[in-house]
């Protein structure tokens, strides 16, 4: 979970850096602006999904013993 968060933060940082870098170039590097915007949105959506994901109360990998009747 922590590794995902780090990757999403890296996406946000690189996306924002690319968008800021290409703001003054006009339409010369429009593809870089689009790539930076996509990275920024992917990072923001990833962090949002990590925040909104509920924490499981039950360990999904735990073995459950059922009583036999």
C-alpha atoms as a PDB file:
ATOM      1  CA  UNK A   1       0.000   0.000   0.000  1.00  0.00           C
ATOM      2  CA  UNK A   2       2.865   2.329   0.823  1.00  0.00           C
ATOM      3  CA  UNK A   3       4.637   1.539  -2.440  1.00  0.00           C
ATOM      4  CA  UNK A   4       1.522   2.409  -4.430  1.00  0.00           C
ATOM      5  CA  UNK A   5       1.278   5.718  -2.609  1.00  0.00           C
ATOM      6  CA  UNK A   6       4.914   6.515  -3.427  1.00  0.00           C
ATOM      7  CA  UNK A   7       4.341   5.744  -7.114  1.00  0.00           C
ATOM      8  CA  UNK A   8       1.240   7.940  -7.176  1.00  0.00           C
ATOM      9  CA  UNK A   9       3.143  10.811  -5.570  1.00  0.00           C
ATOM     10  CA  UNK A  10       5.912  10.412  -8.152  1.00  0.00           C
ATOM     11  CA  UNK A  11       3.276  10.538 -10.912  1.00  0.00           C
ATOM     12  CA  UNK A  12       1.903  13.752  -9.430  1.00  0.00           C
ATOM     13  CA  UNK A  13       5.341  15.356  -9.142  1.00  0.00           C
ATOM     14  CA  UNK A  14       6.491  14.415 -12.644  1.00  0.00           C
ATOM     15  CA  UNK A  15       3.144  15.344 -14.160  1.00  0.00           C
ATOM     16  CA  UNK A  16       3.131  18.737 -12.480  1.00  0.00           C
ATOM     17  CA  UNK A  17       6.760  19.374 -13.448  1.00  0.00           C
ATOM     18  CA  UNK A  18       6.081  18.534 -17.099  1.00  0.00           C
ATOM     19  CA  UNK A  19       2.935  20.686 -17.185  1.00  0.00           C
ATOM     20  CA  UNK A  20       4.753  23.649 -15.616  1.00  0.00           C
ATOM     21  CA  UNK A  21       7.728  23.193 -17.962  1.00  0.00           C
ATOM     22  CA  UNK A  22       5.557  23.166 -21.083  1.00  0.00           C
ATOM     23  CA  UNK A  23       3.334  26.112 -20.129  1.00  0.00           C
ATOM     24  CA  UNK A  24       5.689  28.679 -21.648  1.00  0.00           C
ATOM     25  CA  UNK A  25       6.454  26.759 -24.850  1.00  0.00           C
ATOM     26  CA  UNK A  26       3.133  27.356 -26.558  1.00  0.00           C
ATOM     27  CA  UNK A  27       2.111  24.583 -28.954  1.00  0.00           C
ATOM     28  CA  UNK A  28       5.648  23.365 -29.669  1.00  0.00           C
ATOM     29  CA  UNK A  29       5.535  20.564 -27.124  1.00  0.00           C
ATOM     30  CA  UNK A  30       1.819  19.884 -26.908  1.00  0.00           C
ATOM     31  CA  UNK A  31       2.427  16.141 -26.613  1.00  0.00           C
ATOM     32  CA  UNK A  32       4.505  16.742 -23.457  1.00  0.00           C
ATOM     33  CA  UNK A  33       1.701  18.815 -21.988  1.00  0.00           C
ATOM     34  CA  UNK A  34      -0.779  16.008 -22.655  1.00  0.00           C
ATOM     35  CA  UNK A  35       1.553  13.382 -21.155  1.00  0.00           C
ATOM     36  CA  UNK A  36       2.155  15.553 -18.073  1.00  0.00           C
ATOM     37  CA  UNK A  37      -1.548  16.154 -17.620  1.00  0.00           C
ATOM     38  CA  UNK A  38      -2.270  12.414 -17.895  1.00  0.00           C
ATOM     39  CA  UNK A  39       0.425  11.605 -15.309  1.00  0.00           C
ATOM     40  CA  UNK A  40      -0.941  14.257 -12.987  1.00  0.00           C
ATOM     41  CA  UNK A  41      -4.506  12.959 -13.278  1.00  0.00           C
ATOM     42  CA  UNK A  42      -3.405   9.325 -12.842  1.00  0.00           C
ATOM     43  CA  UNK A  43      -1.534  10.228  -9.669  1.00  0.00           C
ATOM     44  CA  UNK A  44      -4.425  12.228  -8.252  1.00  0.00           C
ATOM     45  CA  UNK A  45      -6.918   9.470  -9.051  1.00  0.00           C
ATOM     46  CA  UNK A  46      -4.627   6.882  -7.475  1.00  0.00           C
ATOM     47  CA  UNK A  47      -4.254   8.822  -4.240  1.00  0.00           C
ATOM     48  CA  UNK A  48      -8.012   9.413  -4.173  1.00  0.00           C
ATOM     49  CA  UNK A  49      -8.687   5.693  -4.623  1.00  0.00           C
ATOM     50  CA  UNK A  50      -6.260   4.849  -1.802  1.00  0.00           C
ATOM     51  CA  UNK A  51      -8.021   7.293   0.497  1.00  0.00           C
ATOM     52  CA  UNK A  52     -11.511   6.025  -0.365  1.00  0.00           C
ATOM     53  CA  UNK A  53     -10.693   2.297  -0.149  1.00  0.00           C
ATOM     54  CA  UNK A  54     -12.083   0.916   3.116  1.00  0.00           C
ATOM     55  CA  UNK A  55      -9.711  -1.010   5.325  1.00  0.00           C
ATOM     56  CA  UNK A  56     -10.720  -4.674   5.648  1.00  0.00           C
ATOM     57  CA  UNK A  57     -11.609  -5.844   9.142  1.00  0.00           C
ATOM     58  CA  UNK A  58     -10.980  -9.482   8.267  1.00  0.00           C
ATOM     59  CA  UNK A  59      -7.657 -10.797   7.023  1.00  0.00           C
ATOM     60  CA  UNK A  60      -8.431 -12.167   3.536  1.00  0.00           C
ATOM     61  CA  UNK A  61      -5.567 -14.673   3.753  1.00  0.00           C
ATOM     62  CA  UNK A  62      -6.515 -16.098   7.137  1.00  0.00           C
ATOM     63  CA  UNK A  63      -7.754 -19.674   7.233  1.00  0.00           C
ATOM     64  CA  UNK A  64     -11.235 -19.890   8.663  1.00  0.00           C
ATOM     65  CA  UNK A  65     -12.150 -23.033  10.561  1.00  0.00           C
ATOM     66  CA  UNK A  66     -15.726 -24.143  10.089  1.00  0.00           C
ATOM     67  CA  UNK A  67     -17.329 -26.506  12.534  1.00  0.00           C
ATOM     68  CA  UNK A  68     -18.470 -29.775  11.010  1.00  0.00           C
ATOM     69  CA  UNK A  69     -21.886 -31.039  11.969  1.00  0.00           C
END
